[in-house]
């Protein structure tokens, strides 16, 4: 110390020990990899077991479909897997069976299905586009009214629709099964409208600057960008119409007009005139088109559903 001056001694910071990262040994790495592989194998085994349990009825159907005509189908001990009977010609016989021409049923069903898909995609997208992009009077009340129609039970409309189409002279034709699709569907209109609202409006403004009108914007810009949601609507329409039994049962009265659902029901009810092995073969054939549709557009369908969940 000197006079009133006080010297402050600053203590130098203590050196921190260096952090040393010791890499795991080779044995530890192998142990971790083996544990991860074991967990993955166990997970796949569980998934495969569940899938095998779910597909067990399909395996029984295949076993029954491959049996000869006089072989017992319903045994005390179920035969889950084909063992000695391999009559693959039963599938061909089911397609050309005289009493129940399943090939004809499949062609009729495909015609009704694709006509409905065309009608749904055209009508629903045309209605959803103005609700999403155009401004007009009473737009919101009309949209709310459209949503309210989804609350009406479809069972309450069956009888009025039947009398309406009957007096139009459409009974016994495919028109009652196809024409309503061109009138739109409230659920699909809602889905498409919500998706279109997620598309940036700057694209519409740029298109109008280039001289495009509303329909050209809809056709050239909105529709190509709406492929994911249109795919979802098309797949749902396919499944609903492929499995539809009540509609064809009400309006069709000719065996050559029947769809797959009616054909399978008739084969099951007239078991005295049909063979069970051919019925099971027809059931398996009816599962092929939906499976092909799902496998072909699986990625686009899942992507479209995910997009609907994130946007709008």
Protein backbone atom coordinates (compact mmCIF):
# COMPACT_ATOMS: atom_id res chain seq x y z
CA UNK A 1 0.00 0.00 0.00
CA UNK A 2 1.22 3.52 -0.75
CA UNK A 3 -0.70 6.43 0.78
CA UNK A 4 -4.40 5.93 0.11
CA UNK A 5 -3.85 3.92 -3.00
CA UNK A 6 -4.92 0.35 -2.77
CA UNK A 7 -3.64 -2.11 -5.24
CA UNK A 8 -6.20 -4.64 -6.27
CA UNK A 9 -4.69 -7.91 -7.16
CA UNK A 10 -6.68 -9.79 -9.80
CA UNK A 11 -6.47 -13.49 -9.54
CA UNK A 12 -5.83 -15.27 -12.82
CA UNK A 13 -8.61 -17.69 -13.73
CA UNK A 14 -7.81 -21.27 -13.07
CA UNK A 15 -7.28 -23.39 -16.14
CA UNK A 16 -10.25 -25.70 -16.80
CA UNK A 17 -9.40 -29.31 -17.53
CA UNK A 18 -9.83 -30.22 -21.18
CA UNK A 19 -12.93 -32.29 -21.97
CA UNK A 20 -11.79 -35.55 -23.45
CA UNK A 21 -14.34 -37.53 -25.49
CA UNK A 22 -13.53 -41.18 -25.41
CA UNK A 23 -14.97 -42.97 -28.47
CA UNK A 24 -16.87 -46.18 -27.75
CA UNK A 25 -15.01 -49.35 -28.23
CA UNK A 26 -15.64 -51.60 -31.18
CA UNK A 27 -17.41 -54.10 -28.94
CA UNK A 28 -19.76 -51.38 -27.67
CA UNK A 29 -20.57 -50.27 -31.23
CA UNK A 30 -21.34 -53.82 -32.26
CA UNK A 31 -23.50 -54.31 -29.18
CA UNK A 32 -25.55 -51.19 -29.97
CA UNK A 33 -25.99 -52.20 -33.60
CA UNK A 34 -27.06 -55.70 -32.60
CA UNK A 35 -29.59 -54.27 -30.13
CA UNK A 36 -31.05 -51.91 -32.76
CA UNK A 37 -31.25 -54.75 -35.31
CA UNK A 38 -32.96 -57.00 -32.75
CA UNK A 39 -35.55 -54.32 -31.97
CA UNK A 40 -36.25 -53.81 -35.68
CA UNK A 41 -36.57 -57.55 -36.28
CA UNK A 42 -38.99 -57.88 -33.38
CA UNK A 43 -41.07 -55.00 -34.70
CA UNK A 44 -41.27 -56.55 -38.18
CA UNK A 45 -42.23 -59.91 -36.68
CA UNK A 46 -45.09 -58.28 -34.77
CA UNK A 47 -46.30 -56.46 -37.90
CA UNK A 48 -46.08 -59.62 -40.01
CA UNK A 49 -47.97 -61.60 -37.37
CA UNK A 50 -50.79 -59.04 -37.27
CA UNK A 51 -50.93 -58.93 -41.09
CA UNK A 52 -51.05 -62.72 -41.29
CA UNK A 53 -53.91 -62.77 -38.77
CA UNK A 54 -55.84 -60.16 -40.78
CA UNK A 55 -55.24 -61.99 -44.07
CA UNK A 56 -56.21 -65.38 -42.65
CA UNK A 57 -59.82 -65.17 -43.99
CA UNK A 58 -58.44 -64.33 -47.42
CA UNK A 59 -56.27 -67.43 -47.24
CA UNK A 60 -59.34 -69.50 -46.37
CA UNK A 61 -61.22 -67.97 -49.33
CA UNK A 62 -58.34 -68.91 -51.63
CA UNK A 63 -58.34 -72.45 -50.24
CA UNK A 64 -62.09 -72.78 -50.84
CA UNK A 65 -61.85 -71.25 -54.31
CA UNK A 66 -59.25 -73.80 -55.41
CA UNK A 67 -61.27 -76.84 -54.33
CA UNK A 68 -63.23 -79.00 -56.79
CA UNK A 69 -67.01 -78.79 -56.93
CA UNK A 70 -67.79 -81.80 -54.73
CA UNK A 71 -65.10 -81.20 -52.12
CA UNK A 72 -66.33 -80.14 -48.64
CA UNK A 73 -65.82 -76.43 -47.99
CA UNK A 74 -67.00 -76.06 -44.39
CA UNK A 75 -65.03 -78.64 -42.41
CA UNK A 76 -64.81 -79.16 -38.66
CA UNK A 77 -61.16 -78.16 -38.72
CA UNK A 78 -60.87 -75.15 -41.04
CA UNK A 79 -58.36 -75.49 -43.84
CA UNK A 80 -56.60 -72.14 -43.79
CA UNK A 81 -54.08 -72.81 -46.52
CA UNK A 82 -54.36 -74.69 -49.85
CA UNK A 83 -52.71 -78.07 -49.63
CA UNK A 84 -53.76 -80.55 -52.34
CA UNK A 85 -56.46 -78.81 -54.43
CA UNK A 86 -55.16 -76.39 -57.06
CA UNK A 87 -58.06 -75.85 -59.47
CA UNK A 88 -57.12 -72.44 -60.83
CA UNK A 89 -59.69 -72.82 -63.60
CA UNK A 90 -62.37 -72.07 -61.01
CA UNK A 91 -61.57 -68.39 -61.41
CA UNK A 92 -62.25 -68.61 -65.14
CA UNK A 93 -65.45 -70.55 -64.49
CA UNK A 94 -66.61 -67.87 -62.07
CA UNK A 95 -66.06 -65.21 -64.71
CA UNK A 96 -68.17 -66.98 -67.34
CA UNK A 97 -70.70 -68.73 -65.07
CA UNK A 98 -74.00 -68.84 -67.05
CA UNK A 99 -76.37 -68.00 -64.18
CA UNK A 100 -74.13 -65.28 -62.75
CA UNK A 101 -71.81 -63.86 -65.46
CA UNK A 102 -69.27 -62.28 -63.16
CA UNK A 103 -67.21 -60.82 -66.00
CA UNK A 104 -70.29 -58.92 -67.15
CA UNK A 105 -70.90 -57.71 -63.60
CA UNK A 106 -67.34 -56.41 -63.38
CA UNK A 107 -67.61 -54.51 -66.68
CA UNK A 108 -70.91 -52.95 -65.57
CA UNK A 109 -69.41 -51.92 -62.23
CA UNK A 110 -66.36 -50.35 -63.84
CA UNK A 111 -68.61 -48.36 -66.16
CA UNK A 112 -70.69 -47.03 -63.25
CA UNK A 113 -67.59 -46.33 -61.14
CA UNK A 114 -65.68 -44.34 -63.76
CA UNK A 115 -68.80 -42.40 -64.77
CA UNK A 116 -69.28 -41.41 -61.13
CA UNK A 117 -65.63 -40.42 -60.78
CA UNK A 118 -65.89 -38.21 -63.86
CA UNK A 119 -69.08 -36.60 -62.60
CA UNK A 120 -67.74 -36.01 -59.08
CA UNK A 121 -64.45 -34.46 -60.23
CA UNK A 122 -66.11 -32.12 -62.73
CA UNK A 123 -69.08 -30.99 -60.64
CA UNK A 124 -67.38 -30.72 -57.25
CA UNK A 125 -64.35 -28.82 -58.55
CA UNK A 126 -66.57 -26.43 -60.51
CA UNK A 127 -68.65 -25.68 -57.41
CA UNK A 128 -65.71 -25.49 -55.00
CA UNK A 129 -63.74 -23.02 -57.14
CA UNK A 130 -66.25 -20.11 -56.85
CA UNK A 131 -66.65 -20.73 -53.11
CA UNK A 132 -62.87 -20.55 -52.66
CA UNK A 133 -61.85 -17.80 -55.10
CA UNK A 134 -64.77 -15.71 -56.32
CA UNK A 135 -66.64 -13.06 -54.35
CA UNK A 136 -70.39 -12.92 -54.87
CA UNK A 137 -73.48 -12.16 -52.87
CA UNK A 138 -74.61 -14.71 -50.29
CA UNK A 139 -71.46 -16.77 -50.82
CA UNK A 140 -71.01 -17.68 -47.15
CA UNK A 141 -74.70 -18.44 -46.44
CA UNK A 142 -74.84 -20.67 -49.51
CA UNK A 143 -71.73 -22.50 -48.40
CA UNK A 144 -73.16 -23.01 -44.90
CA UNK A 145 -76.36 -24.30 -46.47
CA UNK A 146 -74.29 -26.75 -48.48
CA UNK A 147 -72.60 -27.98 -45.32
CA UNK A 148 -75.97 -28.39 -43.60
CA UNK A 149 -77.07 -30.78 -46.34
CA UNK A 150 -74.41 -33.19 -45.07
CA UNK A 151 -76.51 -33.60 -41.91
CA UNK A 152 -79.50 -35.00 -43.83
CA UNK A 153 -79.58 -38.82 -43.49
CA UNK A 154 -79.30 -40.47 -46.88
CA UNK A 155 -81.90 -43.04 -45.81
CA UNK A 156 -84.55 -40.30 -45.78
CA UNK A 157 -83.87 -39.56 -49.46
CA UNK A 158 -84.08 -43.11 -50.81
CA UNK A 159 -87.85 -43.26 -51.31
CA UNK A 160 -88.29 -39.73 -52.80
CA UNK A 161 -85.38 -40.29 -55.16
CA UNK A 162 -86.77 -43.64 -56.26
CA UNK A 163 -90.18 -42.14 -57.14
CA UNK A 164 -88.52 -39.19 -58.84
CA UNK A 165 -86.32 -41.35 -61.08
CA UNK A 166 -89.16 -43.82 -61.66
CA UNK A 167 -91.47 -41.11 -63.00
CA UNK A 168 -88.65 -39.87 -65.22
CA UNK A 169 -88.56 -43.30 -66.84
CA UNK A 170 -85.06 -44.07 -65.59
CA UNK A 171 -85.96 -47.26 -63.76
CA UNK A 172 -84.03 -50.18 -65.20
CA UNK A 173 -81.19 -47.97 -66.48
CA UNK A 174 -77.85 -46.75 -65.13
CA UNK A 175 -78.97 -43.09 -65.16
CA UNK A 176 -80.08 -42.99 -61.47
CA UNK A 177 -76.64 -44.33 -60.51
CA UNK A 178 -74.64 -41.87 -62.64
CA UNK A 179 -76.53 -38.60 -63.10
CA UNK A 180 -76.57 -37.62 -59.38
CA UNK A 181 -72.76 -37.60 -59.41
CA UNK A 182 -72.83 -34.69 -61.86
CA UNK A 183 -74.83 -32.72 -59.28
CA UNK A 184 -71.93 -32.66 -56.85
CA UNK A 185 -71.27 -33.99 -53.36
CA UNK A 186 -71.19 -31.71 -50.32
CA UNK A 187 -68.32 -33.53 -48.64
CA UNK A 188 -66.08 -33.45 -51.71
CA UNK A 189 -66.98 -29.82 -52.42
CA UNK A 190 -65.89 -28.95 -48.91
CA UNK A 191 -62.58 -30.82 -49.29
CA UNK A 192 -61.74 -29.24 -52.63
CA UNK A 193 -62.76 -25.76 -51.47
CA UNK A 194 -60.50 -25.98 -48.42
CA UNK A 195 -57.59 -27.14 -50.56
CA UNK A 196 -58.04 -24.40 -53.18
CA UNK A 197 -58.02 -21.79 -50.42
CA UNK A 198 -54.50 -22.91 -49.52
CA UNK A 199 -53.21 -22.11 -53.03
CA UNK A 200 -51.64 -18.62 -53.13
CA UNK A 201 -53.93 -16.00 -54.66
CA UNK A 202 -50.92 -14.35 -56.28
CA UNK A 203 -51.12 -17.03 -58.96
CA UNK A 204 -54.64 -15.91 -59.85
CA UNK A 205 -53.61 -12.26 -59.93
CA UNK A 206 -50.65 -13.01 -62.20
CA UNK A 207 -52.92 -15.02 -64.49
CA UNK A 208 -55.43 -12.19 -64.71
CA UNK A 209 -52.62 -9.81 -65.62
CA UNK A 210 -51.79 -12.19 -68.48
CA UNK A 211 -55.41 -11.94 -69.68
CA UNK A 212 -56.89 -15.20 -68.37
CA UNK A 213 -60.52 -15.29 -67.30
CA UNK A 214 -61.95 -17.19 -64.34
CA UNK A 215 -62.53 -20.42 -66.23
CA UNK A 216 -59.05 -20.38 -67.76
CA UNK A 217 -57.54 -19.83 -64.31
CA UNK A 218 -59.59 -22.76 -63.01
CA UNK A 219 -58.62 -25.02 -65.90
CA UNK A 220 -54.94 -24.11 -66.32
CA UNK A 221 -53.84 -23.28 -62.77
CA UNK A 222 -56.24 -24.49 -60.08
CA UNK A 223 -56.97 -27.96 -61.44
CA UNK A 224 -53.31 -28.97 -62.02
CA UNK A 225 -52.42 -27.79 -58.51
CA UNK A 226 -55.40 -29.64 -57.01
CA UNK A 227 -54.39 -33.11 -58.18
CA UNK A 228 -53.77 -34.42 -54.62
CA UNK A 229 -57.26 -33.57 -53.35
CA UNK A 230 -58.86 -34.72 -56.62
CA UNK A 231 -57.07 -38.05 -56.21
CA UNK A 232 -58.53 -38.46 -52.73
CA UNK A 233 -62.02 -37.72 -54.06
CA UNK A 234 -61.58 -40.15 -56.95
CA UNK A 235 -60.43 -43.00 -54.70
CA UNK A 236 -63.26 -42.49 -52.22
CA UNK A 237 -65.76 -42.40 -55.08
CA UNK A 238 -64.27 -45.59 -56.52
CA UNK A 239 -64.57 -47.48 -53.23
CA UNK A 240 -68.09 -46.23 -52.46
CA UNK A 241 -69.47 -47.15 -55.87
CA UNK A 242 -67.57 -50.42 -56.15
CA UNK A 243 -69.16 -51.61 -52.90
CA UNK A 244 -72.56 -50.00 -53.51
CA UNK A 245 -75.37 -52.53 -53.17
CA UNK A 246 -78.50 -50.53 -52.40
CA UNK A 247 -78.44 -48.25 -55.46
CA UNK A 248 -78.13 -50.98 -58.12
CA UNK A 249 -80.57 -53.14 -56.14
CA UNK A 250 -83.22 -50.41 -56.34
CA UNK A 251 -82.87 -49.32 -59.95
CA UNK A 252 -81.61 -52.33 -61.93
CA UNK A 253 -83.90 -55.20 -62.91
CA UNK A 254 -81.91 -57.09 -65.53
CA UNK A 255 -79.27 -59.71 -64.83
CA UNK A 256 -77.07 -58.33 -67.60
CA UNK A 257 -77.11 -54.91 -65.91
CA UNK A 258 -76.20 -56.03 -62.41
CA UNK A 259 -73.04 -54.89 -60.67
CA UNK A 260 -70.56 -56.92 -58.64
CA UNK A 261 -72.32 -56.29 -55.32
CA UNK A 262 -75.65 -57.61 -56.60
CA UNK A 263 -73.95 -60.53 -58.36
CA UNK A 264 -72.21 -61.66 -55.18
CA UNK A 265 -75.41 -61.28 -53.16
CA UNK A 266 -77.37 -63.33 -55.69
CA UNK A 267 -74.71 -66.04 -55.78
CA UNK A 268 -74.80 -66.24 -51.99
CA UNK A 269 -78.61 -66.35 -51.75
CA UNK A 270 -78.99 -68.90 -54.55
CA UNK A 271 -76.49 -71.31 -53.08
CA UNK A 272 -78.54 -74.21 -54.39
CA UNK A 273 -77.86 -73.07 -57.98
CA UNK A 274 -74.31 -71.82 -57.42
CA UNK A 275 -71.19 -73.47 -56.14
CA UNK A 276 -69.37 -72.24 -53.04
CA UNK A 277 -65.95 -72.58 -54.60
CA UNK A 278 -67.01 -70.35 -57.49
CA UNK A 279 -68.53 -67.87 -55.02
CA UNK A 280 -65.21 -67.62 -53.17
CA UNK A 281 -63.37 -67.23 -56.47
CA UNK A 282 -65.72 -64.40 -57.42
CA UNK A 283 -65.11 -62.76 -54.04
CA UNK A 284 -61.37 -62.83 -54.58
CA UNK A 285 -61.75 -61.43 -58.09
CA UNK A 286 -63.84 -58.55 -56.73
CA UNK A 287 -60.95 -57.59 -54.44
CA UNK A 288 -58.41 -57.22 -57.24
CA UNK A 289 -59.45 -53.86 -58.80
CA UNK A 290 -59.52 -51.91 -55.49
CA UNK A 291 -56.16 -53.41 -54.56
CA UNK A 292 -54.68 -52.41 -57.92
CA UNK A 293 -56.05 -48.87 -57.57
CA UNK A 294 -54.52 -48.52 -54.12
CA UNK A 295 -51.12 -49.89 -55.17
CA UNK A 296 -50.93 -47.69 -58.26
CA UNK A 297 -51.79 -44.40 -56.57
CA UNK A 298 -50.66 -45.20 -53.03
CA UNK A 299 -48.07 -42.42 -52.73
CA UNK A 300 -50.30 -39.79 -54.32
CA UNK A 301 -53.24 -40.83 -52.14
CA UNK A 302 -51.29 -40.75 -48.87
CA UNK A 303 -49.67 -37.46 -49.87
CA UNK A 304 -53.06 -36.00 -50.69
CA UNK A 305 -54.54 -37.03 -47.34
CA UNK A 306 -51.50 -35.61 -45.51
CA UNK A 307 -51.82 -32.35 -47.47
CA UNK A 308 -55.49 -32.10 -46.56
CA UNK A 309 -54.52 -32.43 -42.94
CA UNK A 310 -51.91 -29.68 -43.10
CA UNK A 311 -53.56 -27.13 -45.36
CA UNK A 312 -56.87 -25.34 -45.56
